[in-house]
Amino acid sequence: MLDYPAVIIHGLDDVRAVLRLGRAVTLISAPGAGLYAGCGWWAALIGQARAAFPDTAPVDVLDCADGTGAALAALRIGVPRLVLWRGTPGADAVAEIARAQGGFVLDESPKALDLSQRGAIRRLEAWVQVRSGPGDIPDETR
């Protein structure tokens, strides 16, 4: 489902650092960001990213942790690629709606470089170059 290296971003500076590399990537929100930052923040952030880097087409995934309501709100505003933890009540219904919108729901966040970790920005280019296939991405999608 995700063929590109995944990077956990926390704001516009992170997005710029990743997209400046000019490579195909998957941008993932911080764990649970759908609950505390909201889907509107995510949609706006990704919109700014696409406007600033129109020649890139990153895959973006909002992590909603165990927040079914947050996931449904995201789908309502057009954010169809989500993380919603396995076993969360209503997760199957959310996944069906996401698929109908051309998206998907992952049971867990894929292996990713978290740009909030010390030294991550120095490892970013190597991470994006090395992680280039679906082997690093979990197959457990609903």
N, C-alpha and C. Protein backbone atom coordinates (compact mmCIF):
# COMPACT_ATOMS: atom_id res chain seq x y z
N MET A 1 0.82 -1.19 0.00
CA MET A 1 0.00 0.00 0.00
C MET A 1 0.87 1.26 0.00
N LEU A 2 1.91 1.30 0.84
CA LEU A 2 2.83 2.43 0.84
C LEU A 2 4.16 1.98 0.25
N ASP A 3 4.50 2.55 -0.87
CA ASP A 3 5.72 2.14 -1.55
C ASP A 3 6.90 3.06 -1.26
N TYR A 4 6.72 4.08 -0.45
CA TYR A 4 7.75 5.08 -0.25
C TYR A 4 8.21 5.11 1.20
N PRO A 5 9.45 5.58 1.43
CA PRO A 5 9.95 5.67 2.80
C PRO A 5 9.08 6.62 3.62
N ALA A 6 8.88 6.26 4.87
CA ALA A 6 8.00 7.03 5.74
C ALA A 6 8.80 7.91 6.69
N VAL A 7 8.30 9.14 6.86
CA VAL A 7 8.93 10.10 7.76
C VAL A 7 7.83 10.71 8.62
N ILE A 8 8.04 10.70 9.93
CA ILE A 8 7.07 11.32 10.84
C ILE A 8 7.42 12.79 10.95
N ILE A 9 6.44 13.62 10.62
CA ILE A 9 6.64 15.07 10.63
C ILE A 9 5.80 15.71 11.72
N HIS A 10 6.26 16.89 12.15
CA HIS A 10 5.60 17.59 13.26
C HIS A 10 5.20 19.01 12.91
N GLY A 11 5.51 19.46 11.72
CA GLY A 11 5.16 20.82 11.33
C GLY A 11 5.74 21.15 9.96
N LEU A 12 5.53 22.39 9.55
CA LEU A 12 5.92 22.81 8.21
C LEU A 12 7.43 22.75 7.99
N ASP A 13 8.23 23.05 9.01
CA ASP A 13 9.68 22.95 8.83
C ASP A 13 10.10 21.53 8.50
N ASP A 14 9.48 20.56 9.16
CA ASP A 14 9.78 19.15 8.85
C ASP A 14 9.38 18.81 7.42
N VAL A 15 8.21 19.27 7.03
CA VAL A 15 7.73 18.99 5.67
C VAL A 15 8.71 19.55 4.65
N ARG A 16 9.13 20.77 4.86
CA ARG A 16 10.08 21.40 3.93
C ARG A 16 11.39 20.62 3.86
N ALA A 17 11.90 20.20 5.01
CA ALA A 17 13.15 19.44 5.03
C ALA A 17 13.03 18.15 4.23
N VAL A 18 11.90 17.49 4.34
CA VAL A 18 11.69 16.22 3.63
C VAL A 18 11.49 16.46 2.13
N LEU A 19 10.60 17.37 1.79
CA LEU A 19 10.26 17.55 0.38
C LEU A 19 11.35 18.23 -0.43
N ARG A 20 12.23 18.98 0.25
CA ARG A 20 13.37 19.58 -0.44
C ARG A 20 14.26 18.53 -1.09
N LEU A 21 14.23 17.32 -0.57
CA LEU A 21 15.05 16.25 -1.13
C LEU A 21 14.56 15.81 -2.51
N GLY A 22 13.31 16.12 -2.84
CA GLY A 22 12.78 15.81 -4.16
C GLY A 22 12.55 14.33 -4.42
N ARG A 23 12.33 13.57 -3.38
CA ARG A 23 12.12 12.12 -3.53
C ARG A 23 10.70 11.74 -3.13
N ALA A 24 10.26 10.62 -3.63
CA ALA A 24 8.94 10.10 -3.26
C ALA A 24 9.00 9.66 -1.80
N VAL A 25 8.07 10.16 -1.00
CA VAL A 25 8.05 9.86 0.43
C VAL A 25 6.62 9.70 0.92
N THR A 26 6.52 9.13 2.10
CA THR A 26 5.26 9.07 2.83
C THR A 26 5.42 9.95 4.06
N LEU A 27 4.56 10.96 4.18
CA LEU A 27 4.57 11.84 5.34
C LEU A 27 3.53 11.32 6.32
N ILE A 28 3.96 11.06 7.55
CA ILE A 28 3.07 10.55 8.57
C ILE A 28 3.05 11.54 9.72
N SER A 29 1.87 11.77 10.25
CA SER A 29 1.78 12.65 11.41
C SER A 29 2.38 11.95 12.62
N ALA A 30 2.63 12.73 13.65
CA ALA A 30 3.07 12.15 14.92
C ALA A 30 1.99 11.20 15.43
N PRO A 31 2.37 10.21 16.23
CA PRO A 31 1.37 9.28 16.77
C PRO A 31 0.25 10.03 17.51
N GLY A 32 -0.97 9.74 17.11
CA GLY A 32 -2.13 10.33 17.75
C GLY A 32 -2.41 11.78 17.38
N ALA A 33 -1.71 12.33 16.41
CA ALA A 33 -1.89 13.75 16.05
C ALA A 33 -3.32 14.06 15.63
N GLY A 34 -4.01 13.09 15.09
CA GLY A 34 -5.41 13.31 14.73
C GLY A 34 -6.26 13.66 15.94
N LEU A 35 -5.82 13.22 17.12
CA LEU A 35 -6.56 13.49 18.35
C LEU A 35 -6.22 14.84 18.96
N TYR A 36 -4.95 15.21 18.97
CA TYR A 36 -4.57 16.43 19.67
C TYR A 36 -4.33 17.63 18.75
N ALA A 37 -3.93 17.41 17.51
CA ALA A 37 -3.73 18.53 16.59
C ALA A 37 -4.93 18.69 15.67
N GLY A 38 -5.56 17.58 15.33
CA GLY A 38 -6.77 17.60 14.53
C GLY A 38 -6.54 17.42 13.05
N CYS A 39 -7.60 16.99 12.41
CA CYS A 39 -7.53 16.73 10.97
C CYS A 39 -7.44 18.02 10.16
N GLY A 40 -8.00 19.10 10.67
CA GLY A 40 -7.92 20.38 9.97
C GLY A 40 -6.48 20.87 9.89
N TRP A 41 -5.75 20.72 11.01
CA TRP A 41 -4.33 21.07 11.01
C TRP A 41 -3.59 20.24 9.97
N TRP A 42 -3.85 18.95 9.95
CA TRP A 42 -3.15 18.06 9.01
C TRP A 42 -3.47 18.43 7.57
N ALA A 43 -4.73 18.65 7.27
CA ALA A 43 -5.12 19.01 5.90
C ALA A 43 -4.46 20.32 5.48
N ALA A 44 -4.42 21.29 6.38
CA ALA A 44 -3.79 22.58 6.07
C ALA A 44 -2.28 22.40 5.85
N LEU A 45 -1.64 21.61 6.70
CA LEU A 45 -0.20 21.37 6.59
C LEU A 45 0.13 20.71 5.25
N ILE A 46 -0.63 19.70 4.90
CA ILE A 46 -0.38 18.99 3.63
C ILE A 46 -0.70 19.92 2.46
N GLY A 47 -1.74 20.72 2.58
CA GLY A 47 -2.05 21.70 1.52
C GLY A 47 -0.91 22.68 1.31
N GLN A 48 -0.32 23.16 2.40
CA GLN A 48 0.84 24.07 2.29
C GLN A 48 2.02 23.35 1.65
N ALA A 49 2.21 22.10 2.01
CA ALA A 49 3.31 21.33 1.45
C ALA A 49 3.15 21.17 -0.06
N ARG A 50 1.96 20.85 -0.49
CA ARG A 50 1.72 20.66 -1.93
C ARG A 50 1.85 21.97 -2.69
N ALA A 51 1.44 23.08 -2.07
CA ALA A 51 1.58 24.39 -2.71
C ALA A 51 3.05 24.79 -2.82
N ALA A 52 3.82 24.52 -1.78
CA ALA A 52 5.23 24.90 -1.77
C ALA A 52 6.10 24.00 -2.64
N PHE A 53 5.68 22.75 -2.81
CA PHE A 53 6.44 21.77 -3.59
C PHE A 53 5.51 21.09 -4.60
N PRO A 54 5.04 21.83 -5.60
CA PRO A 54 4.04 21.28 -6.52
C PRO A 54 4.52 20.12 -7.38
N ASP A 55 5.82 19.96 -7.50
CA ASP A 55 6.36 18.86 -8.31
C ASP A 55 6.51 17.56 -7.53
N THR A 56 6.20 17.59 -6.25
CA THR A 56 6.26 16.37 -5.44
C THR A 56 4.83 15.90 -5.20
N ALA A 57 4.71 14.64 -4.93
CA ALA A 57 3.39 14.08 -4.64
C ALA A 57 3.51 13.13 -3.45
N PRO A 58 3.78 13.68 -2.27
CA PRO A 58 3.94 12.78 -1.12
C PRO A 58 2.63 12.10 -0.76
N VAL A 59 2.74 10.88 -0.27
CA VAL A 59 1.59 10.21 0.32
C VAL A 59 1.53 10.72 1.75
N ASP A 60 0.34 11.10 2.21
CA ASP A 60 0.23 11.61 3.57
C ASP A 60 -0.73 10.73 4.36
N VAL A 61 -0.35 10.46 5.61
CA VAL A 61 -1.12 9.58 6.48
C VAL A 61 -1.27 10.24 7.85
N LEU A 62 -2.51 10.42 8.27
CA LEU A 62 -2.80 11.00 9.58
C LEU A 62 -2.99 9.89 10.60
N ASP A 63 -2.22 9.94 11.68
CA ASP A 63 -2.32 8.94 12.74
C ASP A 63 -3.39 9.38 13.73
N CYS A 64 -4.45 8.59 13.83
CA CYS A 64 -5.56 8.88 14.74
C CYS A 64 -5.54 7.99 15.98
N ALA A 65 -4.49 7.21 16.17
CA ALA A 65 -4.36 6.32 17.33
C ALA A 65 -5.64 5.49 17.47
N ASP A 66 -6.35 5.62 18.60
CA ASP A 66 -7.59 4.87 18.82
C ASP A 66 -8.82 5.77 18.72
N GLY A 67 -8.69 6.86 17.99
CA GLY A 67 -9.77 7.86 17.90
C GLY A 67 -10.65 7.66 16.68
N THR A 68 -11.68 6.85 16.83
CA THR A 68 -12.61 6.63 15.73
C THR A 68 -13.25 7.94 15.30
N GLY A 69 -13.64 8.78 16.25
CA GLY A 69 -14.25 10.07 15.92
C GLY A 69 -13.31 10.96 15.14
N ALA A 70 -12.04 10.98 15.53
CA ALA A 70 -11.05 11.78 14.81
C ALA A 70 -10.88 11.25 13.38
N ALA A 71 -10.88 9.93 13.24
CA ALA A 71 -10.74 9.33 11.91
C ALA A 71 -11.95 9.67 11.03
N LEU A 72 -13.13 9.61 11.60
CA LEU A 72 -14.33 9.96 10.83
C LEU A 72 -14.32 11.45 10.44
N ALA A 73 -13.86 12.30 11.35
CA ALA A 73 -13.76 13.73 11.03
C ALA A 73 -12.77 13.95 9.89
N ALA A 74 -11.66 13.22 9.92
CA ALA A 74 -10.68 13.33 8.85
C ALA A 74 -11.28 12.91 7.51
N LEU A 75 -11.99 11.82 7.50
CA LEU A 75 -12.63 11.37 6.26
C LEU A 75 -13.64 12.41 5.76
N ARG A 76 -14.34 13.01 6.69
CA ARG A 76 -15.35 14.01 6.33
C ARG A 76 -14.74 15.21 5.59
N ILE A 77 -13.50 15.58 5.94
CA ILE A 77 -12.88 16.73 5.28
C ILE A 77 -11.94 16.32 4.14
N GLY A 78 -11.92 15.05 3.80
CA GLY A 78 -11.14 14.60 2.64
C GLY A 78 -9.73 14.12 2.94
N VAL A 79 -9.50 13.65 4.14
CA VAL A 79 -8.20 13.05 4.51
C VAL A 79 -8.44 11.54 4.58
N PRO A 80 -8.16 10.80 3.48
CA PRO A 80 -8.58 9.40 3.41
C PRO A 80 -7.52 8.35 3.78
N ARG A 81 -6.31 8.77 4.16
CA ARG A 81 -5.26 7.82 4.51
C ARG A 81 -4.94 8.00 5.99
N LEU A 82 -5.20 6.94 6.76
CA LEU A 82 -5.17 7.05 8.21
C LEU A 82 -4.48 5.88 8.87
N VAL A 83 -4.05 6.11 10.11
CA VAL A 83 -3.68 5.04 11.03
C VAL A 83 -4.77 5.02 12.09
N LEU A 84 -5.35 3.86 12.32
CA LEU A 84 -6.34 3.66 13.38
C LEU A 84 -6.04 2.30 13.98
N TRP A 85 -5.69 2.30 15.25
CA TRP A 85 -5.20 1.08 15.89
C TRP A 85 -6.14 -0.10 15.75
N ARG A 86 -5.52 -1.24 15.57
CA ARG A 86 -6.22 -2.51 15.52
C ARG A 86 -7.08 -2.68 16.78
N GLY A 87 -8.30 -3.12 16.60
CA GLY A 87 -9.19 -3.36 17.72
C GLY A 87 -9.98 -2.15 18.17
N THR A 88 -9.76 -1.01 17.56
CA THR A 88 -10.51 0.20 17.91
C THR A 88 -11.96 0.01 17.48
N PRO A 89 -12.91 0.28 18.36
CA PRO A 89 -14.32 0.15 17.97
C PRO A 89 -14.64 1.01 16.75
N GLY A 90 -15.30 0.41 15.80
CA GLY A 90 -15.70 1.12 14.58
C GLY A 90 -14.64 1.19 13.51
N ALA A 91 -13.48 0.59 13.75
CA ALA A 91 -12.37 0.68 12.80
C ALA A 91 -12.71 0.08 11.44
N ASP A 92 -13.46 -1.01 11.42
CA ASP A 92 -13.81 -1.63 10.14
C ASP A 92 -14.69 -0.70 9.31
N ALA A 93 -15.62 -0.02 9.95
CA ALA A 93 -16.49 0.92 9.23
C ALA A 93 -15.67 2.09 8.69
N VAL A 94 -14.74 2.58 9.50
CA VAL A 94 -13.86 3.67 9.06
C VAL A 94 -13.06 3.22 7.84
N ALA A 95 -12.54 2.00 7.88
CA ALA A 95 -11.76 1.48 6.76
C ALA A 95 -12.59 1.38 5.49
N GLU A 96 -13.84 0.97 5.62
CA GLU A 96 -14.72 0.88 4.44
C GLU A 96 -14.94 2.25 3.83
N ILE A 97 -15.18 3.24 4.66
CA ILE A 97 -15.39 4.60 4.17
C ILE A 97 -14.12 5.11 3.50
N ALA A 98 -12.98 4.87 4.13
CA ALA A 98 -11.70 5.31 3.56
C ALA A 98 -11.48 4.69 2.19
N ARG A 99 -11.73 3.39 2.06
CA ARG A 99 -11.58 2.72 0.76
C ARG A 99 -12.51 3.33 -0.27
N ALA A 100 -13.73 3.64 0.11
CA ALA A 100 -14.69 4.24 -0.82
C ALA A 100 -14.20 5.61 -1.30
N GLN A 101 -13.38 6.27 -0.48
CA GLN A 101 -12.83 7.57 -0.85
C GLN A 101 -11.47 7.47 -1.53
N GLY A 102 -11.05 6.25 -1.81
CA GLY A 102 -9.76 6.05 -2.47
C GLY A 102 -8.58 6.02 -1.51
N GLY A 103 -8.86 5.86 -0.22
CA GLY A 103 -7.81 5.84 0.78
C GLY A 103 -7.66 4.49 1.42
N PHE A 104 -7.13 4.48 2.63
CA PHE A 104 -6.92 3.24 3.36
C PHE A 104 -6.75 3.56 4.84
N VAL A 105 -6.81 2.50 5.64
CA VAL A 105 -6.56 2.60 7.07
C VAL A 105 -5.52 1.54 7.42
N LEU A 106 -4.44 1.98 8.06
CA LEU A 106 -3.41 1.07 8.55
C LEU A 106 -3.70 0.76 10.01
N ASP A 107 -3.42 -0.47 10.42
CA ASP A 107 -3.60 -0.89 11.81
C ASP A 107 -2.54 -0.31 12.74
N GLU A 108 -1.41 0.08 12.16
CA GLU A 108 -0.31 0.66 12.93
C GLU A 108 0.51 1.51 11.98
N SER A 109 1.25 2.41 12.55
CA SER A 109 2.10 3.27 11.75
C SER A 109 3.25 2.43 11.18
N PRO A 110 3.62 2.68 9.94
CA PRO A 110 4.75 1.93 9.37
C PRO A 110 6.07 2.38 10.00
N LYS A 111 7.09 1.60 9.79
CA LYS A 111 8.43 1.97 10.24
C LYS A 111 8.78 3.31 9.60
N ALA A 112 9.20 4.26 10.44
CA ALA A 112 9.43 5.61 9.94
C ALA A 112 10.53 6.30 10.71
N LEU A 113 11.15 7.28 10.08
CA LEU A 113 12.11 8.16 10.76
C LEU A 113 11.32 9.31 11.37
N ASP A 114 11.41 9.46 12.67
CA ASP A 114 10.71 10.53 13.38
C ASP A 114 11.63 11.74 13.48
N LEU A 115 11.24 12.82 12.81
CA LEU A 115 12.11 13.99 12.77
C LEU A 115 12.21 14.72 14.11
N SER A 116 11.46 14.29 15.12
CA SER A 116 11.61 14.90 16.44
C SER A 116 12.75 14.26 17.23
N GLN A 117 13.27 13.15 16.74
CA GLN A 117 14.35 12.47 17.44
C GLN A 117 15.67 13.20 17.20
N ARG A 118 16.49 13.21 18.21
CA ARG A 118 17.79 13.87 18.12
C ARG A 118 18.60 13.30 16.96
N GLY A 119 19.10 14.16 16.11
CA GLY A 119 19.94 13.77 14.99
C GLY A 119 19.18 13.25 13.78
N ALA A 120 17.87 13.20 13.85
CA ALA A 120 17.10 12.62 12.73
C ALA A 120 17.28 13.41 11.45
N ILE A 121 17.36 14.71 11.53
CA ILE A 121 17.47 15.52 10.32
C ILE A 121 18.77 15.20 9.58
N ARG A 122 19.82 14.84 10.32
CA ARG A 122 21.09 14.46 9.68
C ARG A 122 20.97 13.11 8.97
N ARG A 123 20.08 12.27 9.45
CA ARG A 123 19.90 10.94 8.85
C ARG A 123 18.84 10.92 7.75
N LEU A 124 18.16 12.02 7.57
CA LEU A 124 16.99 12.06 6.68
C LEU A 124 17.32 11.63 5.25
N GLU A 125 18.31 12.22 4.65
CA GLU A 125 18.61 11.91 3.24
C GLU A 125 18.95 10.43 3.06
N ALA A 126 19.76 9.89 3.94
CA ALA A 126 20.10 8.46 3.85
C ALA A 126 18.87 7.59 4.06
N TRP A 127 18.01 7.96 5.00
CA TRP A 127 16.78 7.20 5.26
C TRP A 127 15.91 7.14 4.00
N VAL A 128 15.75 8.28 3.37
CA VAL A 128 14.88 8.36 2.20
C VAL A 128 15.49 7.58 1.03
N GLN A 129 16.79 7.57 0.91
CA GLN A 129 17.43 6.85 -0.19
C GLN A 129 17.39 5.34 0.03
N VAL A 130 17.63 4.89 1.24
CA VAL A 130 17.74 3.46 1.53
C VAL A 130 16.37 2.78 1.58
N ARG A 131 15.41 3.42 2.24
CA ARG A 131 14.08 2.84 2.41
C ARG A 131 13.26 3.13 1.16
N SER A 132 13.26 2.20 0.23
CA SER A 132 12.61 2.52 -1.03
C SER A 132 11.62 1.47 -1.51
N GLY A 133 11.15 0.61 -0.62
CA GLY A 133 10.24 -0.40 -1.09
C GLY A 133 9.20 -0.77 -0.07
N PRO A 134 8.17 -1.50 -0.51
CA PRO A 134 7.10 -1.87 0.39
C PRO A 134 7.51 -2.85 1.47
N GLY A 135 8.72 -3.37 1.45
CA GLY A 135 9.15 -4.30 2.48
C GLY A 135 9.20 -3.69 3.87
N ASP A 136 9.32 -2.37 3.94
CA ASP A 136 9.37 -1.69 5.23
C ASP A 136 7.99 -1.28 5.72
N ILE A 137 6.96 -1.58 4.98
CA ILE A 137 5.63 -1.13 5.29
C ILE A 137 4.78 -2.33 5.71
N PRO A 138 4.05 -2.23 6.81
CA PRO A 138 3.24 -3.38 7.24
C PRO A 138 2.15 -3.69 6.23
N ASP A 139 1.87 -4.97 6.06
CA ASP A 139 0.82 -5.40 5.16
C ASP A 139 -0.55 -5.36 5.81
N GLU A 140 -0.60 -5.12 7.12
CA GLU A 140 -1.85 -5.19 7.85
C GLU A 140 -2.70 -3.95 7.63
N THR A 141 -3.36 -3.89 6.49
CA THR A 141 -4.32 -2.83 6.26
C THR A 141 -5.70 -3.46 6.21
N ARG A 142 -6.68 -2.70 6.68
CA ARG A 142 -8.03 -3.23 6.68
C ARG A 142 -8.63 -3.06 5.31
